Amino acid sequence: MDAYPLLARIAELLERHGLEAVLIGNAAAALQGAPVTTVDFDFLFRRTPANIRKLSAIARELQAVLMKPHSPVSSLLRISRDDDGLQLDFMGEIDGIRSFEGLRKRALAVPLGDARILVAALADIIKSKKAAGRPRDLAVLPILEKVLEEVTRKQKGPAGSSQEGE
């Protein structure tokens, strides 16, 4: 399944509604070149009454429902659609990340279709997965760390010089 059209639609809705959210987890890593897969999209968002109203509007446009799952007990909100198994999880906090503002400042704006989506930096994804310590997070760490090393090496260029101006 090609997730690009769906993710482009999600990016367009987040941007149009002005929802303060950053894509995290394996989907964010995949957009940065990591060879990982996922069946859902996870976001860290600023949990405010206005943003919760925006989530409700986005869910309606996706012909999905906004719900608060009973387990795990957390501030998780989920947009879910039974027709195709769409699942978007929005969390007010995640392991290893101190603030939404810091994560957003370090995030990359990745173009998708006619919109852009904020994507957590690989270093933040790695930090969060280490802090969570779940077996599925620990299993993917070597892959993410290798991709981060490759990205860092490319940014430094030959003999450690910076390639940013090119």
Protein backbone atom coordinates (compact mmCIF):
# COMPACT_ATOMS: atom_id res chain seq x y z
CA MET A 1 0.00 0.00 0.00
CA ASP A 2 1.29 3.44 -0.93
CA ALA A 3 0.73 5.68 2.09
CA TYR A 4 1.85 8.84 0.27
CA PRO A 5 -1.61 9.97 -0.96
CA LEU A 6 -3.13 9.45 2.49
CA LEU A 7 -0.28 11.23 4.24
CA ALA A 8 -0.50 14.11 1.74
CA ARG A 9 -4.22 14.43 2.56
CA ILE A 10 -3.46 14.40 6.29
CA ALA A 11 -0.76 17.06 5.80
CA GLU A 12 -3.23 19.22 3.87
CA LEU A 13 -5.84 18.92 6.64
CA LEU A 14 -3.38 19.65 9.45
CA GLU A 15 -2.07 22.69 7.60
CA ARG A 16 -5.52 24.02 6.62
CA HIS A 17 -6.89 23.65 10.15
CA GLY A 18 -3.71 25.03 11.71
CA LEU A 19 -3.29 22.06 14.04
CA GLU A 20 -0.09 22.28 16.04
CA ALA A 21 1.30 18.76 15.54
CA VAL A 22 4.57 17.01 14.65
CA LEU A 23 4.72 13.56 13.04
CA ILE A 24 6.76 11.19 15.21
CA GLY A 25 7.65 7.50 15.23
CA ASN A 26 8.34 5.18 12.33
CA ALA A 27 6.32 7.20 9.79
CA ALA A 28 8.49 10.25 10.54
CA ALA A 29 11.64 8.14 10.26
CA ALA A 30 10.49 6.66 6.94
CA LEU A 31 10.00 10.15 5.48
CA GLN A 32 13.67 10.76 6.28
CA GLY A 33 14.90 7.66 4.47
CA ALA A 34 14.75 4.99 7.19
CA PRO A 35 13.70 1.60 5.80
CA VAL A 36 10.96 1.05 8.40
CA THR A 37 7.24 0.43 8.14
CA THR A 38 4.21 1.34 10.18
CA VAL A 39 0.46 0.88 10.02
CA ASP A 40 -0.47 4.09 11.80
CA PHE A 41 0.62 7.69 12.10
CA ASP A 42 1.65 9.13 15.47
CA PHE A 43 1.78 12.82 16.31
CA LEU A 44 2.86 14.89 19.26
CA PHE A 45 0.53 17.85 19.51
CA ARG A 46 -0.10 20.82 21.72
CA ARG A 47 -3.11 19.66 23.72
CA THR A 48 -5.37 22.70 23.97
CA PRO A 49 -9.16 23.03 23.68
CA ALA A 50 -8.70 24.77 20.31
CA ASN A 51 -6.51 21.96 18.97
CA ILE A 52 -8.98 19.32 20.18
CA ARG A 53 -11.73 21.13 18.24
CA LYS A 54 -9.45 21.13 15.19
CA LEU A 55 -8.93 17.37 15.60
CA SER A 56 -12.71 16.89 15.62
CA ALA A 57 -13.02 18.87 12.39
CA ILE A 58 -10.22 16.86 10.76
CA ALA A 59 -11.87 13.60 11.81
CA ARG A 60 -15.16 14.72 10.23
CA GLU A 61 -13.41 15.58 6.95
CA LEU A 62 -11.75 12.16 6.95
CA GLN A 63 -15.14 10.54 7.62
CA ALA A 64 -13.60 9.10 10.77
CA VAL A 65 -14.23 9.34 14.52
CA LEU A 66 -12.19 11.04 17.22
CA MET A 67 -11.97 8.94 20.35
CA LYS A 68 -10.04 8.51 23.55
CA PRO A 69 -9.06 4.85 23.82
CA HIS A 70 -9.42 3.33 27.30
CA SER A 71 -6.01 1.71 27.16
CA PRO A 72 -3.35 2.81 27.61
CA VAL A 73 -4.41 5.34 30.19
CA SER A 74 -2.93 8.51 28.75
CA SER A 75 -3.73 11.75 27.03
CA LEU A 76 -3.91 9.89 23.70
CA LEU A 77 -6.59 10.92 21.23
CA ARG A 78 -7.18 8.75 18.17
CA ILE A 79 -8.76 9.47 14.80
CA SER A 80 -9.99 6.13 13.52
CA ARG A 81 -11.78 4.99 10.38
CA ASP A 82 -13.04 1.42 10.13
CA ASP A 83 -13.40 1.33 6.32
CA ASP A 84 -9.66 1.16 5.68
CA GLY A 85 -8.12 0.90 9.15
CA LEU A 86 -6.91 4.51 9.23
CA GLN A 87 -5.44 5.32 12.63
CA LEU A 88 -3.96 8.67 13.62
CA ASP A 89 -2.76 8.95 17.22
CA PHE A 90 -2.28 12.36 18.83
CA MET A 91 -0.36 12.51 22.10
CA GLY A 92 0.19 15.44 24.40
CA GLU A 93 3.47 13.99 25.63
CA ILE A 94 5.91 11.25 24.68
CA ASP A 95 8.81 9.54 26.41
CA GLY A 96 12.16 11.28 26.17
CA ILE A 97 10.86 14.60 24.80
CA ARG A 98 10.60 17.45 27.28
CA SER A 99 8.46 19.86 25.32
CA PHE A 100 6.37 20.18 22.20
CA GLU A 101 8.05 23.51 21.49
CA GLY A 102 11.54 21.99 21.46
CA LEU A 103 10.46 19.10 19.23
CA ARG A 104 8.74 21.50 16.83
CA LYS A 105 11.79 23.77 16.68
CA ARG A 106 14.01 20.85 15.63
CA ALA A 107 11.43 19.32 13.24
CA LEU A 108 11.75 19.28 9.46
CA ALA A 109 9.02 20.66 7.20
CA VAL A 110 8.54 17.92 4.60
CA PRO A 111 6.52 18.73 1.46
CA LEU A 112 3.70 16.29 0.73
CA GLY A 113 1.43 17.10 -2.20
CA ASP A 114 0.38 20.74 -1.90
CA ALA A 115 1.12 20.93 1.84
CA ARG A 116 3.94 20.44 4.28
CA ILE A 117 4.04 18.29 7.39
CA LEU A 118 6.29 18.79 10.38
CA VAL A 119 8.38 15.67 10.97
CA ALA A 120 10.38 15.02 14.15
CA ALA A 121 14.15 15.00 13.70
CA LEU A 122 15.71 11.52 13.63
CA ALA A 123 17.70 12.30 16.79
CA ASP A 124 14.44 13.06 18.64
CA ILE A 125 12.78 9.89 17.33
CA ILE A 126 15.75 7.85 18.55
CA LYS A 127 15.74 9.58 21.93
CA SER A 128 12.03 8.90 22.39
CA LYS A 129 12.27 5.24 21.39
CA LYS A 130 15.19 4.71 23.80
CA ALA A 131 13.24 6.36 26.62
CA ALA A 132 10.10 4.31 25.90
CA GLY A 133 12.15 1.12 26.04
CA ARG A 134 9.46 -1.05 24.46
CA PRO A 135 10.79 -4.10 22.59
CA ARG A 136 9.36 -2.89 19.26
CA ASP A 137 11.07 0.50 19.72
CA LEU A 138 14.40 -1.02 20.77
CA ALA A 139 14.33 -3.40 17.77
CA VAL A 140 14.30 -0.53 15.25
CA LEU A 141 16.98 1.59 16.98
CA PRO A 142 20.01 0.17 15.09
CA ILE A 143 18.32 1.00 11.77
CA LEU A 144 17.46 4.56 12.83
CA GLU A 145 20.92 5.18 14.29
CA LYS A 146 22.55 4.01 11.05
CA VAL A 147 20.32 6.34 8.98
CA LEU A 148 21.14 9.24 11.33
CA GLU A 149 24.88 8.55 10.94
CA GLU A 150 24.52 8.53 7.13
CA VAL A 151 22.51 11.77 7.13
CA THR A 152 25.02 13.44 9.44
CA ARG A 153 27.95 12.26 7.29
CA LYS A 154 26.29 13.64 4.12
CA GLN A 155 25.64 16.99 5.80
CA LYS A 156 29.28 17.29 6.84
CA GLY A 157 30.53 16.32 3.39
CA PRO A 158 34.15 15.46 2.55
CA ALA A 159 36.71 15.90 5.35
CA GLY A 160 34.03 17.19 7.72
CA SER A 161 33.25 20.35 5.71
CA SER A 162 29.67 21.58 5.61
CA GLN A 163 27.56 21.12 2.47
CA GLU A 164 24.72 23.41 3.59
CA GLY A 165 25.21 26.11 0.96
CA GLU A 166 24.87 23.71 -1.95
